[in-house]
PDB file of N, CA and C in Angstrom:
ATOM      1  N   MET A   1      82.963 124.676  37.847  1.00  0.00           N
ATOM      2  CA  MET A   1      82.541 123.933  38.985  1.00  0.00           C
ATOM      3  C   MET A   1      82.025 124.749  40.119  1.00  0.00           C
ATOM      4  N   ARG A   2      80.799 124.469  40.571  1.00  0.00           N
ATOM      5  CA  ARG A   2      80.161 125.280  41.554  1.00  0.00           C
ATOM      6  C   ARG A   2      80.490 124.884  43.027  1.00  0.00           C
ATOM      7  N   THR A   3      81.168 123.778  43.191  1.00  0.00           N
ATOM      8  CA  THR A   3      81.414 123.199  44.426  1.00  0.00           C
ATOM      9  C   THR A   3      82.179 124.128  45.346  1.00  0.00           C
ATOM     10  N   ILE A   4      83.380 124.605  44.823  1.00  0.00           N
ATOM     11  CA  ILE A   4      84.267 125.423  45.609  1.00  0.00           C
ATOM     12  C   ILE A   4      83.591 126.729  46.050  1.00  0.00           C
ATOM     13  N   PRO A   5      82.934 127.438  45.151  1.00  0.00           N
ATOM     14  CA  PRO A   5      82.137 128.730  45.634  1.00  0.00           C
ATOM     15  C   PRO A   5      81.147 128.417  46.653  1.00  0.00           C
ATOM     16  N   ILE A   6      80.449 127.321  46.569  1.00  0.00           N
ATOM     17  CA  ILE A   6      79.489 126.993  47.577  1.00  0.00           C
ATOM     18  C   ILE A   6      80.208 126.835  48.977  1.00  0.00           C
ATOM     19  N   TYR A   7      81.219 126.055  49.013  1.00  0.00           N
ATOM     20  CA  TYR A   7      81.983 125.784  50.220  1.00  0.00           C
ATOM     21  C   TYR A   7      82.486 127.160  50.737  1.00  0.00           C
ATOM     22  N   ALA A   8      82.956 128.033  49.898  1.00  0.00           N
ATOM     23  CA  ALA A   8      83.540 129.239  50.314  1.00  0.00           C
ATOM     24  C   ALA A   8      82.469 130.164  50.939  1.00  0.00           C
ATOM     25  N   VAL A   9      81.297 130.238  50.362  1.00  0.00           N
ATOM     26  CA  VAL A   9      80.243 131.067  50.864  1.00  0.00           C
ATOM     27  C   VAL A   9      79.689 130.461  52.194  1.00  0.00           C
ATOM     28  N   ALA A  10      79.657 129.059  52.169  1.00  0.00           N
ATOM     29  CA  ALA A  10      79.217 128.457  53.445  1.00  0.00           C
ATOM     30  C   ALA A  10      80.262 128.682  54.578  1.00  0.00           C
ATOM     31  N   ALA A  11      81.544 128.716  54.302  1.00  0.00           N
ATOM     32  CA  ALA A  11      82.488 128.996  55.354  1.00  0.00           C
ATOM     33  C   ALA A  11      82.318 130.489  55.873  1.00  0.00           C
ATOM     34  N   LEU A  12      82.109 131.414  54.937  1.00  0.00           N
ATOM     35  CA  LEU A  12      81.847 132.717  55.370  1.00  0.00           C
ATOM     36  C   LEU A  12      80.602 132.865  56.236  1.00  0.00           C
ATOM     37  N   ALA A  13      79.586 132.199  55.833  1.00  0.00           N
ATOM     38  CA  ALA A  13      78.336 132.129  56.661  1.00  0.00           C
ATOM     39  C   ALA A  13      78.557 131.522  58.026  1.00  0.00           C
ATOM     40  N   GLU A  14      79.280 130.471  58.123  1.00  0.00           N
ATOM     41  CA  GLU A  14      79.452 129.867  59.410  1.00  0.00           C
ATOM     42  C   GLU A  14      80.447 130.707  60.291  1.00  0.00           C
ATOM     43  N   ILE A  15      81.422 131.226  59.766  1.00  0.00           N
ATOM     44  CA  ILE A  15      82.331 132.003  60.553  1.00  0.00           C
ATOM     45  C   ILE A  15      81.681 133.251  61.027  1.00  0.00           C
ATOM     46  N   ALA A  16      80.918 133.929  60.174  1.00  0.00           N
ATOM     47  CA  ALA A  16      80.187 135.114  60.538  1.00  0.00           C
ATOM     48  C   ALA A  16      79.214 134.852  61.675  1.00  0.00           C
ATOM     49  N   GLY A  17      78.506 133.736  61.485  1.00  0.00           N
ATOM     50  CA  GLY A  17      77.516 133.308  62.491  1.00  0.00           C
ATOM     51  C   GLY A  17      78.150 133.030  63.883  1.00  0.00           C
ATOM     52  N   CYS A  18      79.313 132.276  63.841  1.00  0.00           N
ATOM     53  CA  CYS A  18      80.055 131.865  65.084  1.00  0.00           C
ATOM     54  C   CYS A  18      80.654 133.209  65.625  1.00  0.00           C
ATOM     55  N   PHE A  19      81.083 134.101  64.814  1.00  0.00           N
ATOM     56  CA  PHE A  19      81.755 135.335  65.337  1.00  0.00           C
ATOM     57  C   PHE A  19      80.641 136.195  66.037  1.00  0.00           C
ATOM     58  N   ALA A  20      79.433 136.179  65.596  1.00  0.00           N
ATOM     59  CA  ALA A  20      78.322 136.897  66.233  1.00  0.00           C
ATOM     60  C   ALA A  20      78.136 136.470  67.639  1.00  0.00           C
ATOM     61  N   PHE A  21      78.218 135.103  67.872  1.00  0.00           N
ATOM     62  CA  PHE A  21      78.190 134.567  69.231  1.00  0.00           C
ATOM     63  C   PHE A  21      79.417 134.925  70.119  1.00  0.00           C
ATOM     64  N   TRP A  22      80.527 134.835  69.367  1.00  0.00           N
ATOM     65  CA  TRP A  22      81.781 135.288  70.055  1.00  0.00           C
ATOM     66  C   TRP A  22      81.709 136.822  70.438  1.00  0.00           C
ATOM     67  N   ALA A  23      81.230 137.566  69.539  1.00  0.00           N
ATOM     68  CA  ALA A  23      81.122 138.975  69.967  1.00  0.00           C
ATOM     69  C   ALA A  23      80.237 139.209  71.116  1.00  0.00           C
ATOM     70  N   TRP A  24      79.109 138.602  71.134  1.00  0.00           N
ATOM     71  CA  TRP A  24      78.128 138.669  72.166  1.00  0.00           C
ATOM     72  C   TRP A  24      78.798 138.163  73.511  1.00  0.00           C
ATOM     73  N   PHE A  25      79.284 136.969  73.517  1.00  0.00           N
ATOM     74  CA  PHE A  25      79.691 136.331  74.721  1.00  0.00           C
ATOM     75  C   PHE A  25      81.093 136.804  75.204  1.00  0.00           C
ATOM     76  N   ARG A  26      81.984 137.021  74.201  1.00  0.00           N
ATOM     77  CA  ARG A  26      83.457 137.341  74.654  1.00  0.00           C
ATOM     78  C   ARG A  26      83.710 138.731  74.626  1.00  0.00           C
ATOM     79  N   LEU A  27      83.122 139.396  73.696  1.00  0.00           N
ATOM     80  CA  LEU A  27      83.470 140.904  73.508  1.00  0.00           C
ATOM     81  C   LEU A  27      82.411 141.893  74.150  1.00  0.00           C
ATOM     82  N   GLY A  28      81.424 141.302  74.694  1.00  0.00           N
ATOM     83  CA  GLY A  28      80.377 142.081  75.453  1.00  0.00           C
ATOM     84  C   GLY A  28      79.457 142.917  74.489  1.00  0.00           C
ATOM     85  N   ARG A  29      79.291 142.419  73.244  1.00  0.00           N
ATOM     86  CA  ARG A  29      78.372 143.148  72.369  1.00  0.00           C
ATOM     87  C   ARG A  29      76.912 142.821  72.737  1.00  0.00           C
ATOM     88  N   SER A  30      76.060 143.485  72.053  1.00  0.00           N
ATOM     89  CA  SER A  30      74.582 143.316  72.411  1.00  0.00           C
ATOM     90  C   SER A  30      74.081 142.012  72.074  1.00  0.00           C
ATOM     91  N   ILE A  31      73.131 141.500  72.826  1.00  0.00           N
ATOM     92  CA  ILE A  31      72.527 140.179  72.497  1.00  0.00           C
ATOM     93  C   ILE A  31      71.845 140.261  71.131  1.00  0.00           C
ATOM     94  N   LEU A  32      71.583 141.331  70.588  1.00  0.00           N
ATOM     95  CA  LEU A  32      71.020 141.487  69.212  1.00  0.00           C
ATOM     96  C   LEU A  32      71.931 140.833  68.156  1.00  0.00           C
ATOM     97  N   TRP A  33      73.257 140.752  68.472  1.00  0.00           N
ATOM     98  CA  TRP A  33      74.212 140.233  67.545  1.00  0.00           C
ATOM     99  C   TRP A  33      73.848 138.782  67.187  1.00  0.00           C
ATOM    100  N   LEU A  34      73.071 138.110  68.176  1.00  0.00           N
ATOM    101  CA  LEU A  34      72.724 136.704  67.947  1.00  0.00           C
ATOM    102  C   LEU A  34      71.700 136.530  66.816  1.00  0.00           C
ATOM    103  N   LEU A  35      70.832 137.512  66.566  1.00  0.00           N
ATOM    104  CA  LEU A  35      69.909 137.407  65.486  1.00  0.00           C
ATOM    105  C   LEU A  35      70.496 137.121  64.088  1.00  0.00           C
ATOM    106  N   PRO A  36      71.368 138.082  63.689  1.00  0.00           N
ATOM    107  CA  PRO A  36      72.124 137.737  62.411  1.00  0.00           C
ATOM    108  C   PRO A  36      72.998 136.590  62.515  1.00  0.00           C
ATOM    109  N   GLY A  37      73.484 136.417  63.668  1.00  0.00           N
ATOM    110  CA  GLY A  37      74.380 135.197  63.833  1.00  0.00           C
ATOM    111  C   GLY A  37      73.612 133.915  63.559  1.00  0.00           C
ATOM    112  N   MET A  38      72.372 133.714  64.097  1.00  0.00           N
ATOM    113  CA  MET A  38      71.628 132.494  63.954  1.00  0.00           C
ATOM    114  C   MET A  38      71.116 132.483  62.354  1.00  0.00           C
ATOM    115  N   ALA A  39      70.850 133.542  61.843  1.00  0.00           N
ATOM    116  CA  ALA A  39      70.412 133.501  60.360  1.00  0.00           C
ATOM    117  C   ALA A  39      71.622 133.098  59.529  1.00  0.00           C
ATOM    118  N   SER A  40      72.827 133.575  59.820  1.00  0.00           N
ATOM    119  CA  SER A  40      73.967 133.169  59.171  1.00  0.00           C
ATOM    120  C   SER A  40      74.287 131.704  59.330  1.00  0.00           C
ATOM    121  N   LEU A  41      74.059 131.176  60.513  1.00  0.00           N
ATOM    122  CA  LEU A  41      74.405 129.707  60.705  1.00  0.00           C
ATOM    123  C   LEU A  41      73.353 128.914  60.020  1.00  0.00           C
ATOM    124  N   ALA A  42      72.075 129.379  59.966  1.00  0.00           N
ATOM    125  CA  ALA A  42      71.073 128.644  59.174  1.00  0.00           C
ATOM    126  C   ALA A  42      71.462 128.643  57.661  1.00  0.00           C
ATOM    127  N   ALA A  43      71.933 129.806  57.200  1.00  0.00           N
ATOM    128  CA  ALA A  43      72.392 129.864  55.737  1.00  0.00           C
ATOM    129  C   ALA A  43      73.513 128.922  55.557  1.00  0.00           C
ATOM    130  N   PHE A  44      74.481 128.788  56.479  1.00  0.00           N
ATOM    131  CA  PHE A  44      75.525 127.882  56.366  1.00  0.00           C
ATOM    132  C   PHE A  44      75.066 126.422  56.145  1.00  0.00           C
ATOM    133  N   GLY A  45      74.068 126.041  57.001  1.00  0.00           N
ATOM    134  CA  GLY A  45      73.573 124.660  56.867  1.00  0.00           C
ATOM    135  C   GLY A  45      72.915 124.398  55.543  1.00  0.00           C
ATOM    136  N   TRP A  46      72.141 125.396  55.120  1.00  0.00           N
ATOM    137  CA  TRP A  46      71.516 125.259  53.801  1.00  0.00           C
ATOM    138  C   TRP A  46      72.507 125.192  52.667  1.00  0.00           C
ATOM    139  N   LEU A  47      73.509 126.137  52.745  1.00  0.00           N
ATOM    140  CA  LEU A  47      74.505 126.053  51.622  1.00  0.00           C
ATOM    141  C   LEU A  47      75.290 124.784  51.631  1.00  0.00           C
ATOM    142  N   LEU A  48      75.711 124.243  52.802  1.00  0.00           N
ATOM    143  CA  LEU A  48      76.433 123.033  52.752  1.00  0.00           C
ATOM    144  C   LEU A  48      75.589 121.856  52.203  1.00  0.00           C
ATOM    145  N   ALA A  49      74.268 121.947  52.334  1.00  0.00           N
ATOM    146  CA  ALA A  49      73.420 120.900  51.781  1.00  0.00           C
ATOM    147  C   ALA A  49      73.350 121.010  50.240  1.00  0.00           C
ATOM    148  N   LEU A  50      73.736 122.095  49.749  1.00  0.00           N
ATOM    149  CA  LEU A  50      73.793 122.268  48.174  1.00  0.00           C
ATOM    150  C   LEU A  50      74.977 121.686  47.535  1.00  0.00           C
ATOM    151  N   VAL A  51      76.000 121.341  48.317  1.00  0.00           N
ATOM    152  CA  VAL A  51      77.242 120.873  47.704  1.00  0.00           C
ATOM    153  C   VAL A  51      76.886 119.535  46.964  1.00  0.00           C
ATOM    154  N   PRO A  52      77.281 119.416  45.674  1.00  0.00           N
ATOM    155  CA  PRO A  52      77.034 118.210  44.931  1.00  0.00           C
ATOM    156  C   PRO A  52      77.979 117.044  45.300  1.00  0.00           C
ATOM    157  N   VAL A  53      77.915 116.562  46.526  1.00  0.00           N
ATOM    158  CA  VAL A  53      78.644 115.457  46.960  1.00  0.00           C
ATOM    159  C   VAL A  53      77.640 114.434  47.523  1.00  0.00           C
ATOM    160  N   GLU A  54      77.863 113.148  47.174  1.00  0.00           N
ATOM    161  CA  GLU A  54      76.781 112.189  47.526  1.00  0.00           C
ATOM    162  C   GLU A  54      76.630 111.875  48.952  1.00  0.00           C
ATOM    163  N   GLN A  55      77.686 111.892  49.781  1.00  0.00           N
ATOM    164  CA  GLN A  55      77.596 111.547  51.167  1.00  0.00           C
ATOM    165  C   GLN A  55      77.856 112.734  52.028  1.00  0.00           C
ATOM    166  N   ALA A  56      77.034 112.967  53.073  1.00  0.00           N
ATOM    167  CA  ALA A  56      77.231 114.133  53.909  1.00  0.00           C
ATOM    168  C   ALA A  56      78.543 114.074  54.606  1.00  0.00           C
ATOM    169  N   GLY A  57      78.966 113.047  55.124  1.00  0.00           N
ATOM    170  CA  GLY A  57      80.290 112.944  55.831  1.00  0.00           C
ATOM    171  C   GLY A  57      81.362 113.402  54.953  1.00  0.00           C
ATOM    172  N   ARG A  58      81.441 112.978  53.680  1.00  0.00           N
ATOM    173  CA  ARG A  58      82.479 113.420  52.743  1.00  0.00           C
ATOM    174  C   ARG A  58      82.334 114.911  52.455  1.00  0.00           C
ATOM    175  N   ALA A  59      81.155 115.454  52.422  1.00  0.00           N
ATOM    176  CA  ALA A  59      81.011 116.872  52.191  1.00  0.00           C
ATOM    177  C   ALA A  59      81.538 117.609  53.347  1.00  0.00           C
ATOM    178  N   TYR A  60      81.289 117.116  54.607  1.00  0.00           N
ATOM    179  CA  TYR A  60      81.727 117.847  55.782  1.00  0.00           C
ATOM    180  C   TYR A  60      83.246 117.678  55.976  1.00  0.00           C
ATOM    181  N   ALA A  61      83.812 116.593  55.499  1.00  0.00           N
ATOM    182  CA  ALA A  61      85.293 116.453  55.561  1.00  0.00           C
ATOM    183  C   ALA A  61      86.007 117.451  54.699  1.00  0.00           C
ATOM    184  N   VAL A  62      85.476 117.587  53.438  1.00  0.00           N
ATOM    185  CA  VAL A  62      86.029 118.632  52.488  1.00  0.00           C
ATOM    186  C   VAL A  62      85.865 119.957  53.090  1.00  0.00           C
ATOM    187  N   TYR A  63      84.712 120.206  53.602  1.00  0.00           N
ATOM    188  CA  TYR A  63      84.399 121.540  54.178  1.00  0.00           C
ATOM    189  C   TYR A  63      85.349 121.920  55.259  1.00  0.00           C
ATOM    190  N   GLY A  64      85.786 120.992  56.015  1.00  0.00           N
ATOM    191  CA  GLY A  64      86.657 121.186  57.132  1.00  0.00           C
ATOM    192  C   GLY A  64      87.984 121.861  56.752  1.00  0.00           C
ATOM    193  N   GLY A  65      88.548 121.418  55.654  1.00  0.00           N
ATOM    194  CA  GLY A  65      89.742 122.008  55.092  1.00  0.00           C
ATOM    195  C   GLY A  65      89.549 123.522  54.628  1.00  0.00           C
ATOM    196  N   ILE A  66      88.406 123.615  53.958  1.00  0.00           N
ATOM    197  CA  ILE A  66      88.102 125.056  53.502  1.00  0.00           C
ATOM    198  C   ILE A  66      87.721 125.921  54.668  1.00  0.00           C
ATOM    199  N   TYR A  67      87.120 125.445  55.668  1.00  0.00           N
ATOM    200  CA  TYR A  67      86.760 126.229  56.835  1.00  0.00           C
ATOM    201  C   TYR A  67      88.037 126.674  57.597  1.00  0.00           C
ATOM    202  N   ILE A  68      89.026 125.790  57.615  1.00  0.00           N
ATOM    203  CA  ILE A  68      90.373 126.225  58.226  1.00  0.00           C
ATOM    204  C   ILE A  68      90.958 127.330  57.552  1.00  0.00           C
ATOM    205  N   ALA A  69      91.038 127.293  56.218  1.00  0.00           N
ATOM    206  CA  ALA A  69      91.620 128.327  55.428  1.00  0.00           C
ATOM    207  C   ALA A  69      90.834 129.609  55.461  1.00  0.00           C
ATOM    208  N   ALA A  70      89.558 129.476  55.417  1.00  0.00           N
ATOM    209  CA  ALA A  70      88.666 130.646  55.557  1.00  0.00           C
ATOM    210  C   ALA A  70      88.781 131.338  56.944  1.00  0.00           C
ATOM    211  N   SER A  71      88.910 130.506  57.997  1.00  0.00           N
ATOM    212  CA  SER A  71      89.047 131.108  59.298  1.00  0.00           C
ATOM    213  C   SER A  71      90.355 131.888  59.438  1.00  0.00           C
ATOM    214  N   LEU A  72      91.339 131.484  58.760  1.00  0.00           N
ATOM    215  CA  LEU A  72      92.642 132.210  58.778  1.00  0.00           C
ATOM    216  C   LEU A  72      92.490 133.592  57.999  1.00  0.00           C
ATOM    217  N   LEU A  73      91.723 133.532  56.945  1.00  0.00           N
ATOM    218  CA  LEU A  73      91.469 134.759  56.202  1.00  0.00           C
ATOM    219  C   LEU A  73      90.656 135.719  57.057  1.00  0.00           C
ATOM    220  N   TRP A  74      89.735 135.214  57.747  1.00  0.00           N
ATOM    221  CA  TRP A  74      88.948 135.981  58.757  1.00  0.00           C
ATOM    222  C   TRP A  74      89.821 136.608  59.829  1.00  0.00           C
ATOM    223  N   LEU A  75      90.682 135.756  60.297  1.00  0.00           N
ATOM    224  CA  LEU A  75      91.622 136.227  61.332  1.00  0.00           C
ATOM    225  C   LEU A  75      92.339 137.461  60.779  1.00  0.00           C
ATOM    226  N   TRP A  76      92.773 137.454  59.604  1.00  0.00           N
ATOM    227  CA  TRP A  76      93.609 138.519  58.969  1.00  0.00           C
ATOM    228  C   TRP A  76      92.745 139.669  58.662  1.00  0.00           C
ATOM    229  N   LEU A  77      91.697 139.435  57.843  1.00  0.00           N
ATOM    230  CA  LEU A  77      90.889 140.574  57.215  1.00  0.00           C
ATOM    231  C   LEU A  77      89.958 141.201  58.250  1.00  0.00           C
ATOM    232  N   VAL A  78      89.403 140.413  59.116  1.00  0.00           N
ATOM    233  CA  VAL A  78      88.298 141.033  60.130  1.00  0.00           C
ATOM    234  C   VAL A  78      89.038 141.372  61.427  1.00  0.00           C
ATOM    235  N   GLU A  79      89.806 140.460  61.967  1.00  0.00           N
ATOM    236  CA  GLU A  79      90.372 140.703  63.283  1.00  0.00           C
ATOM    237  C   GLU A  79      91.820 141.358  63.254  1.00  0.00           C
ATOM    238  N   GLY A  80      92.278 141.463  62.101  1.00  0.00           N
ATOM    239  CA  GLY A  80      93.559 142.204  61.948  1.00  0.00           C
ATOM    240  C   GLY A  80      94.825 141.500  62.415  1.00  0.00           C
ATOM    241  N   ALA A  81      94.784 140.230  62.646  1.00  0.00           N
ATOM    242  CA  ALA A  81      95.947 139.455  63.040  1.00  0.00           C
ATOM    243  C   ALA A  81      96.466 138.617  61.860  1.00  0.00           C
ATOM    244  N   ARG A  82      97.540 138.925  61.463  1.00  0.00           N
ATOM    245  CA  ARG A  82      98.110 138.183  60.258  1.00  0.00           C
ATOM    246  C   ARG A  82      98.481 136.705  60.606  1.00  0.00           C
ATOM    247  N   PRO A  83      98.026 135.783  59.845  1.00  0.00           N
ATOM    248  CA  PRO A  83      98.348 134.479  60.003  1.00  0.00           C
ATOM    249  C   PRO A  83      99.972 134.172  59.925  1.00  0.00           C
ATOM    250  N   ASP A  84     100.509 133.423  60.748  1.00  0.00           N
ATOM    251  CA  ASP A  84     101.958 133.197  60.671  1.00  0.00           C
ATOM    252  C   ASP A  84     102.227 132.061  59.779  1.00  0.00           C
ATOM    253  N   ARG A  85     103.481 131.700  59.517  1.00  0.00           N
ATOM    254  CA  ARG A  85     103.865 130.647  58.563  1.00  0.00           C
ATOM    255  C   ARG A  85     103.332 129.334  58.935  1.00  0.00           C
ATOM    256  N   TRP A  86     103.146 129.004  60.208  1.00  0.00           N
ATOM    257  CA  TRP A  86     102.636 127.717  60.727  1.00  0.00           C
ATOM    258  C   TRP A  86     101.121 127.623  60.494  1.00  0.00           C
ATOM    259  N   ASP A  87     100.467 128.729  60.560  1.00  0.00           N
ATOM    260  CA  ASP A  87      99.000 128.832  60.175  1.00  0.00           C
ATOM    261  C   ASP A  87      98.974 128.527  58.675  1.00  0.00           C
ATOM    262  N   LEU A  88      99.762 129.162  57.872  1.00  0.00           N
ATOM    263  CA  LEU A  88      99.628 128.931  56.395  1.00  0.00           C
ATOM    264  C   LEU A  88     100.005 127.553  56.089  1.00  0.00           C
ATOM    265  N   ILE A  89     101.073 126.982  56.687  1.00  0.00           N
ATOM    266  CA  ILE A  89     101.424 125.590  56.331  1.00  0.00           C
ATOM    267  C   ILE A  89     100.339 124.659  56.680  1.00  0.00           C
ATOM    268  N   GLY A  90      99.748 124.881  57.967  1.00  0.00           N
ATOM    269  CA  GLY A  90      98.698 124.077  58.346  1.00  0.00           C
ATOM    270  C   GLY A  90      97.338 124.027  57.391  1.00  0.00           C
ATOM    271  N   ALA A  91      97.077 125.320  57.009  1.00  0.00           N
ATOM    272  CA  ALA A  91      95.979 125.427  56.038  1.00  0.00           C
ATOM    273  C   ALA A  91      96.303 124.787  54.762  1.00  0.00           C
ATOM    274  N   ALA A  92      97.542 124.896  54.271  1.00  0.00           N
ATOM    275  CA  ALA A  92      97.897 124.219  53.001  1.00  0.00           C
ATOM    276  C   ALA A  92      97.749 122.761  53.151  1.00  0.00           C
ATOM    277  N   VAL A  93      98.115 122.171  54.206  1.00  0.00           N
ATOM    278  CA  VAL A  93      97.918 120.755  54.473  1.00  0.00           C
ATOM    279  C   VAL A  93      96.537 120.363  54.475  1.00  0.00           C
ATOM    280  N   CYS A  94      95.740 121.131  55.197  1.00  0.00           N
ATOM    281  CA  CYS A  94      94.216 120.814  55.215  1.00  0.00           C
ATOM    282  C   CYS A  94      93.623 120.978  53.899  1.00  0.00           C
ATOM    283  N   LEU A  95      93.918 122.020  53.138  1.00  0.00           N
ATOM    284  CA  LEU A  95      93.437 122.110  51.829  1.00  0.00           C
ATOM    285  C   LEU A  95      93.831 120.994  50.862  1.00  0.00           C
ATOM    286  N   SER A  96      95.075 120.546  50.989  1.00  0.00           N
ATOM    287  CA  SER A  96      95.561 119.410  50.263  1.00  0.00           C
ATOM    288  C   SER A  96      94.707 118.171  50.546  1.00  0.00           C
ATOM    289  N   GLY A  97      94.428 117.927  51.814  1.00  0.00           N
ATOM    290  CA  GLY A  97      93.598 116.818  52.197  1.00  0.00           C
ATOM    291  C   GLY A  97      92.160 116.947  51.692  1.00  0.00           C
ATOM    292  N   ALA A  98      91.604 118.125  51.751  1.00  0.00           N
ATOM    293  CA  ALA A  98      90.245 118.368  51.216  1.00  0.00           C
ATOM    294  C   ALA A  98      90.151 118.130  49.752  1.00  0.00           C
ATOM    295  N   ALA A  99      91.194 118.572  49.014  1.00  0.00           N
ATOM    296  CA  ALA A  99      91.281 118.360  47.547  1.00  0.00           C
ATOM    297  C   ALA A  99      91.396 116.861  47.230  1.00  0.00           C
ATOM    298  N   ILE A 100      92.117 116.072  48.025  1.00  0.00           N
ATOM    299  CA  ILE A 100      92.212 114.630  47.759  1.00  0.00           C
ATOM    300  C   ILE A 100      90.855 114.015  47.959  1.00  0.00           C
ATOM    301  N   ILE A 101      90.217 114.373  49.088  1.00  0.00           N
ATOM    302  CA  ILE A 101      88.936 113.787  49.348  1.00  0.00           C
ATOM    303  C   ILE A 101      87.922 114.158  48.262  1.00  0.00           C
ATOM    304  N   LEU A 102      87.858 115.414  47.865  1.00  0.00           N
ATOM    305  CA  LEU A 102      86.879 115.909  46.891  1.00  0.00           C
ATOM    306  C   LEU A 102      87.006 115.285  45.484  1.00  0.00           C
ATOM    307  N   TRP A 103      88.383 115.346  45.024  1.00  0.00           N
ATOM    308  CA  TRP A 103      88.579 114.987  43.650  1.00  0.00           C
ATOM    309  C   TRP A 103      89.238 113.582  43.425  1.00  0.00           C
ATOM    310  N   ALA A 104      89.250 112.772  44.464  1.00  0.00           N
ATOM    311  CA  ALA A 104      89.797 111.476  44.323  1.00  0.00           C
ATOM    312  C   ALA A 104      88.893 110.639  43.297  1.00  0.00           C
ATOM    313  N   PRO A 105      89.550 109.885  42.477  1.00  0.00           N
ATOM    314  CA  PRO A 105      88.705 109.020  41.580  1.00  0.00           C
ATOM    315  C   PRO A 105      88.058 107.951  42.347  1.00  0.00           C
ATOM    316  N   ARG A 106      86.727 107.748  42.214  1.00  0.00           N
ATOM    317  CA  ARG A 106      85.982 106.823  42.889  1.00  0.00           C
ATOM    318  C   ARG A 106      85.022 106.093  41.988  1.00  0.00           C
ATOM    319  N   ALA A 107      84.935 104.782  42.262  1.00  0.00           N
ATOM    320  CA  ALA A 107      84.054 103.983  41.476  1.00  0.00           C
ATOM    321  C   ALA A 107      82.627 104.422  41.698  1.00  0.00           C
ATOM    322  N   VAL A 108      81.907 104.554  40.636  1.00  0.00           N
ATOM    323  CA  VAL A 108      80.473 104.916  40.654  1.00  0.00           C
ATOM    324  C   VAL A 108      79.671 103.653  40.957  1.00  0.00           C
ATOM    325  N   PRO A 109      78.825 103.780  42.119  1.00  0.00           N
ATOM    326  CA  PRO A 109      78.069 102.590  42.511  1.00  0.00           C
ATOM    327  C   PRO A 109      77.000 102.228  41.470  1.00  0.00           C
TER     328      PRO A 109
END
């Protein structure tokens, strides 16, 4: 199934793009950080459009759970702050919800 890898790469692209803005605005990095940030956000939008889900709202809902888990990985791997048990429990709940939305049996119209 190619859906999960697309969501994962989209999450990485969105987080990296948003972090570029964070780095410029909050960490005082060069405004040049915005160039790869904007490219990364454009890649995010393109990738999310590739997800084989019929309705955009459903694709975004599933993505939300994956984004939360990916954000915690970013927190740990890039920012060096290990997620606590409440972060992990919250991510598990979100991923469970995303899985229900993605894989629920639905009548084909």
